[in-house]
Amino acid sequence: MPDEQSHSVVPPARPELRKSLGVLDGVAIAASSTAATTSIGIGLGVTAGVVGLHLPAIMLLAFLPVLGIAGAYSRLNKVEPNAGNGYVWVGRSLTPWLGFMVGWVNIVAVVAFLAYTTAVTGSALLQLAGDAGLHRIGGLALDPGSTAQTTALGILVLVAVTLTAVTGIRAAARLQAGLLVFEYVVLLGFCGYGIVTGPHDFSLSWFDPFAIPSATALAQGMLLSVFCYWGFESAFSVNEEVRDPRDASRAGITTLFTMLALFLLGSVAFQRVLSEQELAGHGAQGLAFFGDRLASQPWAALPLVALMFSAVASLQAGVIPTARAMFAMSRDRTLGPVWSKVSPRYGTPASGTVLIGALAAGVAGLALVIPRLADMIMATVSAVGIVVALSYALTALAAAVRFRALLFEDWRQGVRAVVLPTLSAAVLLGLGGYLSWSFYTSADHFEVSADNGWFLLVTPLAMIASGFVAAAWAKWVRRSPYFRTGKGTDADAPRLLATSR
């Protein structure tokens, strides 16, 4: 019978991805996925609505546990490079159920992120059209704050970048590198000018975490900031396509420190130029408003062009690592075989890449139930922040368990390999738990709205619950050997402990 072979305990021949990337390519992919310009242009306004004029403080605080997570990713990557990374590492060190959960929530979080970024891209394009004097097409008034219009336009861009990602990761990395250079030149120029000329006085209280309004604001601000850093690990998702696995680690760590510098620069610049009300009130159009305050047209449009490039690059960078994570899961038969089909022409998981783009477009369409773009962004970022914190925490705990012997062999290495990841995981789990409880107690009814606590809680819970359903299907219907061993198809990769130090 056909199913007998598919249920065999002998794993199929492992599909291989083409090795073509260096450390700079990894940085380009990770930096594009993190999308500093998008995070600064939109994320800072959303976060300011929670923590007020304490953006530098919250960005520094969030960086500390994320740095511990990055160290865990780097060590695990050195001993077991795998496109599925957290899925394989957590399954091997903790339990296959939690490993599958890490892989699953990362997939659904990226699909949600792609849907939200699709709308952001469309909004940027509509804002640029307005700057160029185009405010109406036929009888339709163009509105960059309309979820319907921005989503429709953004889906067209998503289709284009998905097809580009199919043709090869090397070409995608080169495109992203070019976009990044333009983004960063504009971002550094405008933020630097804003810091020097802004009308609002600089204050050290901006860096004081104890001045944040409440514990709930601190927890939500931290998770929103973690969301801003999210994406540095994309460098590890393409580690089977780099010439040296250590390049993936270098790319991930380099990207993370670069993001910290850019976020601090951007937060200080925004607070020098904009008031708290202006910063929190412009949502997806915050960067355009910032540019208008500093320059006249056409120069004022440059930050908006940078935002559009950042959104386009992050769309492509989101598709690439997600397709590769699903490629790794498909090799282990925890997902269907379509995800591990490698294009003989391009050496990429082409079918999976196209399907990821299609799923994101479908979710973007579902987001139309939230008519205001700003509300959709807030709801998406809050949900993704919670599931990303869960994924990061479980990966850090996997590293702590895997390298626990170092505590007795070399205490310095033990602190870095075990203690710091454990503390980072505890912080993120604590923040996620506290914020979930705050959402639960903040409302007495359910409503599809960005200010309804039950809606903000149900969304990430649905993402997590769907993972248990998918895991049960993989275990008992697909009969994946992964649930017996927790090991991926390349679990016998070199893993000498010395190489992790």
Protein backbone atom coordinates (compact mmCIF):
# COMPACT_ATOMS: atom_id res chain seq x y z
CA MET A 1 0.00 0.00 0.00
CA PRO A 2 1.23 3.54 -0.65
CA ASP A 3 1.14 4.51 3.04
CA GLU A 4 3.48 1.70 4.10
CA GLN A 5 6.53 3.36 2.62
CA SER A 6 5.60 6.77 3.97
CA HIS A 7 5.28 5.30 7.49
CA SER A 8 8.61 3.51 7.38
CA VAL A 9 10.98 4.27 10.23
CA VAL A 10 13.80 4.67 7.70
CA PRO A 11 14.01 8.36 6.79
CA PRO A 12 13.94 9.25 3.12
CA ALA A 13 16.99 10.55 1.34
CA ARG A 14 17.61 14.03 2.59
CA PRO A 15 16.95 16.83 0.08
CA GLU A 16 19.86 19.25 -0.05
CA LEU A 17 19.82 23.02 -0.41
CA ARG A 18 22.46 24.73 -2.51
CA LYS A 19 25.35 26.23 -0.50
CA SER A 20 26.05 29.70 -1.86
CA LEU A 21 25.98 32.24 0.98
CA GLY A 22 28.62 34.07 2.98
CA VAL A 23 28.39 36.06 6.19
CA LEU A 24 27.41 39.31 4.43
CA ASP A 25 24.55 37.55 2.67
CA GLY A 26 23.37 36.25 6.04
CA VAL A 27 23.52 39.75 7.51
CA ALA A 28 21.48 41.09 4.58
CA ILE A 29 18.78 38.44 5.08
CA ALA A 30 18.66 38.82 8.88
CA ALA A 31 18.71 42.62 8.76
CA SER A 32 15.96 42.68 6.14
CA SER A 33 13.87 40.28 8.21
CA THR A 34 14.34 42.45 11.32
CA ALA A 35 13.37 45.46 9.16
CA ALA A 36 14.87 48.29 11.22
CA THR A 37 13.28 51.01 9.11
CA THR A 38 9.82 49.46 9.41
CA SER A 39 10.30 48.89 13.15
CA ILE A 40 11.44 52.48 13.66
CA GLY A 41 8.79 53.98 11.40
CA ILE A 42 5.89 51.99 12.82
CA GLY A 43 7.00 49.99 15.87
CA LEU A 44 8.30 53.02 17.76
CA GLY A 45 4.95 54.75 17.50
CA VAL A 46 3.08 51.66 18.69
CA THR A 47 5.50 51.19 21.59
CA ALA A 48 5.37 54.88 22.54
CA GLY A 49 1.62 54.51 22.92
CA VAL A 50 2.40 52.06 25.73
CA VAL A 51 5.56 53.37 27.46
CA GLY A 52 5.44 57.06 26.55
CA LEU A 53 8.76 58.87 26.13
CA HIS A 54 10.86 55.96 27.36
CA LEU A 55 11.61 54.27 24.05
CA PRO A 56 15.41 54.16 24.57
CA ALA A 57 14.92 52.53 27.99
CA ILE A 58 12.59 49.83 26.73
CA MET A 59 14.77 49.09 23.69
CA LEU A 60 17.81 48.61 25.95
CA LEU A 61 15.88 46.44 28.41
CA ALA A 62 14.49 44.20 25.66
CA PHE A 63 17.94 43.82 24.12
CA LEU A 64 19.33 42.03 27.19
CA PRO A 65 17.17 38.87 27.10
CA VAL A 66 17.30 38.83 23.29
CA LEU A 67 21.11 38.87 23.50
CA GLY A 68 20.93 35.82 25.77
CA ILE A 69 18.68 34.15 23.19
CA ALA A 70 21.15 35.02 20.42
CA GLY A 71 23.95 33.35 22.38
CA ALA A 72 21.83 30.21 22.68
CA TYR A 73 21.12 30.21 18.93
CA SER A 74 24.81 30.68 18.16
CA ARG A 75 25.98 27.78 20.35
CA LEU A 76 23.29 25.42 19.13
CA ASN A 77 24.00 26.35 15.52
CA LYS A 78 27.68 25.50 15.94
CA VAL A 79 26.97 21.97 17.11
CA GLU A 80 23.95 21.22 14.91
CA PRO A 81 23.34 23.42 11.85
CA ASN A 82 19.78 22.88 10.64
CA ALA A 83 17.31 24.88 8.56
CA GLY A 84 14.69 24.04 11.18
CA ASN A 85 16.96 25.27 14.02
CA GLY A 86 14.67 25.79 17.03
CA TYR A 87 12.33 23.02 15.92
CA VAL A 88 15.18 20.50 15.89
CA TRP A 89 17.09 21.86 18.89
CA VAL A 90 14.10 22.01 21.23
CA GLY A 91 12.78 18.64 20.08
CA ARG A 92 16.12 17.01 20.76
CA SER A 93 16.89 18.67 24.12
CA LEU A 94 13.42 19.05 25.68
CA THR A 95 10.59 17.13 24.00
CA PRO A 96 9.40 16.65 20.40
CA TRP A 97 6.04 18.20 21.29
CA LEU A 98 7.66 21.44 22.37
CA GLY A 99 10.06 21.26 19.44
CA PHE A 100 7.18 21.02 17.01
CA MET A 101 5.48 23.87 18.85
CA VAL A 102 8.53 26.12 18.31
CA GLY A 103 8.55 25.34 14.61
CA TRP A 104 4.80 25.82 14.30
CA VAL A 105 4.45 29.11 16.18
CA ASN A 106 7.35 30.56 14.21
CA ILE A 107 5.54 29.66 11.00
CA VAL A 108 2.18 31.13 12.01
CA ALA A 109 3.88 34.21 13.50
CA VAL A 110 5.74 34.88 10.25
CA VAL A 111 2.59 34.38 8.20
CA ALA A 112 0.83 36.93 10.45
CA PHE A 113 3.84 39.25 10.13
CA LEU A 114 3.81 38.94 6.35
CA ALA A 115 0.11 39.80 6.29
CA TYR A 116 0.70 42.89 8.43
CA THR A 117 3.77 43.94 6.40
CA THR A 118 1.78 43.50 3.22
CA ALA A 119 -0.61 46.19 4.45
CA VAL A 120 2.29 48.39 5.58
CA THR A 121 3.82 48.16 2.10
CA GLY A 122 0.54 49.14 0.50
CA SER A 123 0.19 52.05 2.92
CA ALA A 124 3.66 53.33 2.04
CA LEU A 125 2.87 53.15 -1.67
CA LEU A 126 -0.40 55.05 -1.19
CA GLN A 127 1.36 57.70 0.87
CA LEU A 128 3.94 58.12 -1.88
CA ALA A 129 1.13 58.43 -4.41
CA GLY A 130 -0.40 61.18 -2.29
CA ASP A 131 2.94 63.01 -2.10
CA ALA A 132 3.09 62.83 -5.89
CA GLY A 133 -0.36 64.42 -6.15
CA LEU A 134 -2.35 61.26 -6.89
CA HIS A 135 -5.26 61.20 -4.42
CA ARG A 136 -7.98 59.51 -6.43
CA ILE A 137 -8.32 56.79 -9.07
CA GLY A 138 -11.64 57.10 -10.86
CA GLY A 139 -14.24 57.41 -8.15
CA LEU A 140 -12.03 55.86 -5.46
CA ALA A 141 -10.34 58.17 -2.96
CA LEU A 142 -6.95 56.73 -2.01
CA ASP A 143 -6.59 56.26 1.76
CA PRO A 144 -3.26 55.01 3.20
CA GLY A 145 -5.09 54.27 6.48
CA SER A 146 -7.58 51.88 4.86
CA THR A 147 -6.86 48.20 5.52
CA ALA A 148 -8.73 47.16 2.37
CA GLN A 149 -6.78 49.43 -0.01
CA THR A 150 -3.38 48.87 1.56
CA THR A 151 -3.87 45.10 1.67
CA ALA A 152 -4.95 44.84 -1.97
CA LEU A 153 -1.94 46.83 -3.16
CA GLY A 154 0.44 45.07 -0.78
CA ILE A 155 -0.61 41.62 -1.99
CA LEU A 156 0.56 42.53 -5.48
CA VAL A 157 3.98 43.36 -4.02
CA LEU A 158 3.95 40.13 -1.99
CA VAL A 159 3.40 38.10 -5.17
CA ALA A 160 6.37 39.80 -6.84
CA VAL A 161 8.80 39.28 -3.95
CA THR A 162 7.68 35.66 -3.50
CA LEU A 163 8.53 34.92 -7.11
CA THR A 164 11.91 36.60 -6.62
CA ALA A 165 12.59 34.41 -3.57
CA VAL A 166 11.84 31.30 -5.64
CA THR A 167 14.62 32.05 -8.12
CA GLY A 168 17.37 31.76 -5.53
CA ILE A 169 18.45 32.94 -2.12
CA ARG A 170 21.64 34.47 -3.48
CA ALA A 171 19.70 36.78 -5.78
CA ALA A 172 17.33 37.63 -2.93
CA ALA A 173 20.25 38.47 -0.63
CA ARG A 174 21.76 40.76 -3.26
CA LEU A 175 18.45 42.58 -3.73
CA GLN A 176 18.08 42.98 0.04
CA ALA A 177 21.63 44.27 0.41
CA GLY A 178 20.91 46.99 -2.13
CA LEU A 179 17.68 47.97 -0.42
CA LEU A 180 19.41 48.00 2.97
CA VAL A 181 22.12 50.40 1.83
CA PHE A 182 19.53 52.93 0.69
CA GLU A 183 17.40 52.47 3.84
CA TYR A 184 20.30 52.95 6.22
CA VAL A 185 21.71 55.98 4.43
CA VAL A 186 18.31 57.69 4.62
CA LEU A 187 17.64 56.52 8.17
CA LEU A 188 21.02 57.63 9.50
CA GLY A 189 20.79 60.96 7.67
CA PHE A 190 17.32 61.90 8.88
CA CYS A 191 17.76 60.55 12.42
CA GLY A 192 21.10 62.29 12.78
CA TYR A 193 19.61 65.55 11.54
CA GLY A 194 16.63 65.13 13.87
CA ILE A 195 18.86 64.61 16.91
CA VAL A 196 20.79 67.81 16.13
CA THR A 197 17.86 70.06 15.20
CA GLY A 198 14.85 68.63 17.07
CA PRO A 199 12.83 71.18 19.11
CA HIS A 200 12.33 68.96 22.17
CA ASP A 201 15.06 68.91 24.81
CA PHE A 202 17.02 65.70 25.33
CA SER A 203 16.34 64.07 28.70
CA LEU A 204 18.13 61.28 30.56
CA SER A 205 14.71 60.19 31.87
CA TRP A 206 14.15 58.67 28.44
CA PHE A 207 16.64 55.97 29.49
CA ASP A 208 15.08 55.41 32.94
CA PRO A 209 13.07 52.15 33.01
CA PHE A 210 11.68 52.98 36.47
CA ALA A 211 9.81 55.94 34.96
CA ILE A 212 7.68 53.68 32.73
CA PRO A 213 4.03 54.22 33.77
CA SER A 214 3.13 50.73 35.06
CA ALA A 215 4.15 47.08 35.24
CA THR A 216 1.66 46.27 32.49
CA ALA A 217 3.15 48.99 30.29
CA LEU A 218 6.63 47.60 31.01
CA ALA A 219 5.58 44.04 30.06
CA GLN A 220 3.77 45.07 26.90
CA GLY A 221 6.55 47.48 25.92
CA MET A 222 9.16 44.76 26.40
CA LEU A 223 7.30 42.30 24.19
CA LEU A 224 6.68 44.95 21.55
CA SER A 225 10.41 45.69 21.59
CA VAL A 226 11.24 41.98 21.36
CA PHE A 227 9.03 41.97 18.28
CA CYS A 228 11.18 44.78 16.85
CA TYR A 229 14.33 42.66 17.33
CA TRP A 230 12.60 39.56 15.98
CA GLY A 231 14.19 38.36 12.75
CA PHE A 232 17.89 38.28 13.64
CA GLU A 233 17.60 34.48 13.80
CA SER A 234 16.75 34.37 10.08
CA ALA A 235 20.50 34.06 9.55
CA PHE A 236 20.32 30.67 11.28
CA SER A 237 17.39 29.52 9.13
CA VAL A 238 19.59 29.60 6.02
CA ASN A 239 22.60 27.99 7.72
CA GLU A 240 22.46 24.96 5.43
CA GLU A 241 23.05 27.30 2.49
CA VAL A 242 26.09 29.09 3.91
CA ARG A 243 29.59 27.90 3.14
CA ASP A 244 30.53 27.85 6.85
CA PRO A 245 27.92 27.43 9.66
CA ARG A 246 29.91 29.91 11.77
CA ASP A 247 28.98 32.57 9.21
CA ALA A 248 25.33 32.20 10.26
CA SER A 249 26.27 32.86 13.89
CA ARG A 250 28.36 35.89 12.95
CA ALA A 251 25.55 37.25 10.80
CA GLY A 252 22.92 36.82 13.52
CA ILE A 253 24.98 38.49 16.28
CA THR A 254 26.15 41.29 13.97
CA THR A 255 22.58 42.01 12.95
CA LEU A 256 21.37 42.13 16.55
CA PHE A 257 23.93 44.73 17.65
CA THR A 258 23.27 46.76 14.51
CA MET A 259 19.56 46.79 15.30
CA LEU A 260 20.25 47.98 18.87
CA ALA A 261 22.26 50.94 17.58
CA LEU A 262 19.60 51.85 15.00
CA PHE A 263 16.72 51.55 17.46
CA LEU A 264 18.45 53.76 20.02
CA LEU A 265 19.30 56.31 17.33
CA GLY A 266 15.76 56.26 15.98
CA SER A 267 14.05 56.47 19.36
CA VAL A 268 16.13 59.44 20.47
CA ALA A 269 15.65 61.20 17.12
CA PHE A 270 11.88 60.65 17.15
CA GLN A 271 11.57 61.98 20.70
CA ARG A 272 13.69 65.04 19.84
CA VAL A 273 11.45 65.87 16.87
CA LEU A 274 7.96 64.66 17.85
CA SER A 275 5.87 65.12 20.97
CA GLU A 276 4.51 62.08 22.79
CA GLN A 277 1.06 62.62 21.25
CA GLU A 278 2.49 62.97 17.74
CA LEU A 279 4.70 59.91 18.18
CA ALA A 280 1.89 57.67 19.40
CA GLY A 281 -0.82 59.01 17.13
CA HIS A 282 0.46 58.47 13.58
CA GLY A 283 0.86 54.67 13.44
CA ALA A 284 1.82 53.45 9.97
CA GLN A 285 2.36 57.03 8.81
CA GLY A 286 4.77 57.95 11.64
CA LEU A 287 7.96 57.93 9.54
CA ALA A 288 6.35 60.07 6.84
CA PHE A 289 5.26 62.59 9.49
CA PHE A 290 8.79 62.57 10.92
CA GLY A 291 10.21 63.33 7.45
CA ASP A 292 7.74 66.17 6.88
CA ARG A 293 8.86 67.78 10.13
CA LEU A 294 12.49 67.80 9.04
CA ALA A 295 12.37 68.62 5.33
CA SER A 296 10.17 69.80 2.50
CA GLN A 297 9.23 67.79 -0.55
CA PRO A 298 10.71 65.99 -2.39
CA TRP A 299 13.33 65.33 0.34
CA ALA A 300 10.62 64.62 2.93
CA ALA A 301 9.53 61.62 0.85
CA LEU A 302 12.89 59.85 1.26
CA PRO A 303 12.04 58.29 4.67
CA LEU A 304 8.80 57.02 3.17
CA VAL A 305 10.69 55.46 0.25
CA ALA A 306 13.05 53.85 2.78
CA LEU A 307 10.04 52.48 4.67
CA MET A 308 8.65 51.01 1.46
CA PHE A 309 12.00 49.38 0.63
CA SER A 310 12.24 48.03 4.18
CA ALA A 311 8.74 46.55 3.98
CA VAL A 312 9.45 44.95 0.60
CA ALA A 313 12.74 43.50 1.87
CA SER A 314 11.12 42.16 5.04
CA LEU A 315 8.37 40.52 2.98
CA GLN A 316 11.00 38.64 1.01
CA ALA A 317 13.12 37.95 4.08
CA GLY A 318 10.05 36.57 5.88
CA VAL A 319 9.20 34.19 3.05
CA ILE A 320 12.73 32.79 2.76
CA PRO A 321 13.43 31.46 6.31
CA THR A 322 9.86 30.26 6.81
CA ALA A 323 9.97 28.15 3.66
CA ARG A 324 13.25 26.66 4.89
CA ALA A 325 11.89 25.92 8.36
CA MET A 326 8.97 24.10 6.77
CA PHE A 327 11.46 22.36 4.45
CA ALA A 328 13.23 20.97 7.54
CA MET A 329 9.96 19.88 9.15
CA SER A 330 8.82 18.23 5.93
CA ARG A 331 12.06 16.20 5.79
CA ASP A 332 11.01 14.71 9.13
CA ARG A 333 7.43 14.08 7.92
CA THR A 334 5.96 16.40 10.51
CA LEU A 335 4.63 18.42 7.57
CA GLY A 336 3.56 17.26 4.12
CA PRO A 337 6.04 16.35 1.36
CA VAL A 338 5.26 19.43 -0.73
CA TRP A 339 7.34 21.59 1.64
CA SER A 340 10.57 19.62 1.02
CA LYS A 341 10.46 19.66 -2.77
CA VAL A 342 13.61 21.34 -4.04
CA SER A 343 13.58 23.03 -7.43
CA PRO A 344 16.20 21.33 -9.66
CA ARG A 345 16.72 24.62 -11.47
CA TYR A 346 17.12 27.01 -8.55
CA GLY A 347 18.11 24.69 -5.68
CA THR A 348 15.43 26.26 -3.44
CA PRO A 349 12.21 24.95 -1.83
CA ALA A 350 10.21 26.62 -4.58
CA SER A 351 6.82 25.01 -3.93
CA GLY A 352 7.00 25.84 -0.23
CA THR A 353 8.03 29.40 -0.95
CA VAL A 354 5.02 29.96 -3.22
CA LEU A 355 2.67 28.37 -0.68
CA ILE A 356 3.99 30.60 2.12
CA GLY A 357 3.27 33.64 -0.01
CA ALA A 358 -0.22 32.35 -0.76
CA LEU A 359 -0.94 31.70 2.93
CA ALA A 360 0.23 35.19 3.86
CA ALA A 361 -2.00 36.70 1.18
CA GLY A 362 -4.94 34.72 2.55
CA VAL A 363 -4.32 35.87 6.13
CA ALA A 364 -3.94 39.44 4.88
CA GLY A 365 -7.43 39.10 3.41
CA LEU A 366 -8.80 37.85 6.73
CA ALA A 367 -7.35 40.95 8.42
CA LEU A 368 -9.95 43.01 6.59
CA VAL A 369 -12.29 42.40 9.53
CA ILE A 370 -10.23 45.13 11.28
CA PRO A 371 -10.93 48.17 9.08
CA ARG A 372 -8.32 50.57 10.48
CA LEU A 373 -4.72 49.78 9.58
CA ALA A 374 -3.40 51.11 12.89
CA ASP A 375 -5.68 48.73 14.84
CA MET A 376 -4.64 45.76 12.71
CA ILE A 377 -0.97 46.55 13.31
CA MET A 378 -1.46 46.78 17.08
CA ALA A 379 -3.37 43.49 17.25
CA THR A 380 -0.83 41.65 15.07
CA VAL A 381 2.23 42.96 16.88
CA SER A 382 0.82 42.10 20.32
CA ALA A 383 -0.06 38.54 19.28
CA VAL A 384 3.23 37.89 17.50
CA GLY A 385 5.19 39.37 20.42
CA ILE A 386 3.76 36.76 22.80
CA VAL A 387 4.38 33.73 20.55
CA VAL A 388 7.87 34.93 19.59
CA ALA A 389 8.72 35.27 23.30
CA LEU A 390 7.54 31.68 23.81
CA SER A 391 9.63 30.41 20.90
CA TYR A 392 12.75 32.27 22.05
CA ALA A 393 12.34 31.06 25.63
CA LEU A 394 12.00 27.39 24.66
CA THR A 395 15.06 27.60 22.38
CA ALA A 396 17.09 29.17 25.20
CA LEU A 397 16.01 26.43 27.61
CA ALA A 398 17.03 23.82 25.01
CA ALA A 399 20.52 25.34 24.94
CA ALA A 400 20.72 25.35 28.74
CA VAL A 401 19.77 21.67 28.91
CA ARG A 402 22.09 20.65 26.09
CA PHE A 403 25.17 22.38 27.51
CA ARG A 404 24.46 21.87 31.22
CA ALA A 405 27.61 19.75 31.61
CA LEU A 406 29.67 22.90 31.13
CA LEU A 407 28.57 24.10 34.57
CA PHE A 408 30.78 21.40 36.08
CA GLU A 409 33.62 21.62 33.56
CA ASP A 410 34.19 25.36 33.10
CA TRP A 411 32.08 27.78 35.15
CA ARG A 412 32.72 30.72 32.82
CA GLN A 413 31.48 28.77 29.83
CA GLY A 414 28.68 27.41 31.98
CA VAL A 415 27.44 30.90 32.83
CA ARG A 416 27.34 31.89 29.16
CA ALA A 417 25.92 28.60 27.89
CA VAL A 418 23.48 27.75 30.68
CA VAL A 419 22.80 30.53 33.18
CA LEU A 420 22.30 33.45 30.75
CA PRO A 421 19.95 31.55 28.40
CA THR A 422 17.94 30.33 31.41
CA LEU A 423 17.58 33.85 32.78
CA SER A 424 16.59 35.16 29.35
CA ALA A 425 13.96 32.44 29.02
CA ALA A 426 12.58 33.17 32.48
CA VAL A 427 12.27 36.87 31.70
CA LEU A 428 10.43 36.30 28.43
CA LEU A 429 8.10 33.65 29.87
CA GLY A 430 7.36 35.88 32.84
CA LEU A 431 6.60 38.86 30.62
CA GLY A 432 4.37 36.81 28.34
CA GLY A 433 2.49 35.30 31.26
CA TYR A 434 1.98 38.63 33.01
CA LEU A 435 0.83 40.35 29.84
CA SER A 436 -1.59 37.51 29.06
CA TRP A 437 -3.08 37.84 32.54
CA SER A 438 -3.37 41.62 32.07
CA PHE A 439 -5.23 41.10 28.80
CA TYR A 440 -7.59 38.63 30.48
CA THR A 441 -8.44 40.93 33.37
CA SER A 442 -8.77 44.08 31.23
CA ALA A 443 -12.07 43.13 29.55
CA ASP A 444 -15.35 41.40 30.35
CA HIS A 445 -16.42 40.52 26.81
CA PHE A 446 -14.89 39.50 23.47
CA GLU A 447 -14.70 41.94 20.58
CA VAL A 448 -12.56 42.00 17.42
CA SER A 449 -10.74 45.17 18.37
CA ALA A 450 -7.13 46.14 19.07
CA ASP A 451 -8.13 47.54 22.48
CA ASN A 452 -10.06 44.45 23.60
CA GLY A 453 -7.94 42.37 25.98
CA TRP A 454 -9.73 39.10 25.29
CA PHE A 455 -9.16 39.49 21.55
CA LEU A 456 -5.47 40.27 22.14
CA LEU A 457 -5.22 37.14 24.32
CA VAL A 458 -7.25 34.77 22.15
CA THR A 459 -5.20 35.50 19.02
CA PRO A 460 -1.84 34.14 20.31
CA LEU A 461 -3.62 31.33 22.18
CA ALA A 462 -5.22 30.25 18.90
CA MET A 463 -1.78 30.22 17.25
CA ILE A 464 -0.43 27.98 20.02
CA ALA A 465 -3.49 25.69 20.19
CA SER A 466 -3.38 25.09 16.45
CA GLY A 467 0.19 23.84 16.95
CA PHE A 468 -0.96 21.05 19.26
CA VAL A 469 -3.56 19.97 16.70
CA ALA A 470 -0.93 19.94 13.93
CA ALA A 471 1.50 18.04 16.19
CA ALA A 472 -1.11 15.38 16.97
CA TRP A 473 -1.74 14.94 13.24
CA ALA A 474 2.00 14.60 12.55
CA LYS A 475 2.47 12.05 15.33
CA TRP A 476 -0.54 9.79 14.86
CA VAL A 477 -1.51 10.26 11.21
CA ARG A 478 1.80 10.98 9.48
CA ARG A 479 3.60 8.81 12.05
CA SER A 480 6.67 10.98 11.92
CA PRO A 481 9.78 9.40 13.50
CA TYR A 482 10.57 12.84 14.90
CA PHE A 483 8.12 12.25 17.75
CA ARG A 484 10.06 9.16 18.84
CA THR A 485 13.51 10.73 18.84
CA GLY A 486 13.17 14.51 18.66
CA LYS A 487 16.00 14.39 16.13
CA GLY A 488 15.98 15.93 12.69
CA THR A 489 17.22 14.23 9.54
CA ASP A 490 20.70 15.64 10.13
CA ALA A 491 20.89 14.83 13.85
CA ASP A 492 24.25 13.15 13.30
CA ALA A 493 25.93 16.41 12.27
CA PRO A 494 29.29 17.08 13.95
CA ARG A 495 28.61 18.29 17.47
CA LEU A 496 31.86 18.15 19.40
CA LEU A 497 31.41 20.14 22.59
CA ALA A 498 34.71 21.89 22.01
CA THR A 499 33.31 23.56 18.93
CA SER A 500 30.61 25.23 21.02
CA ARG A 501 33.08 27.11 23.20
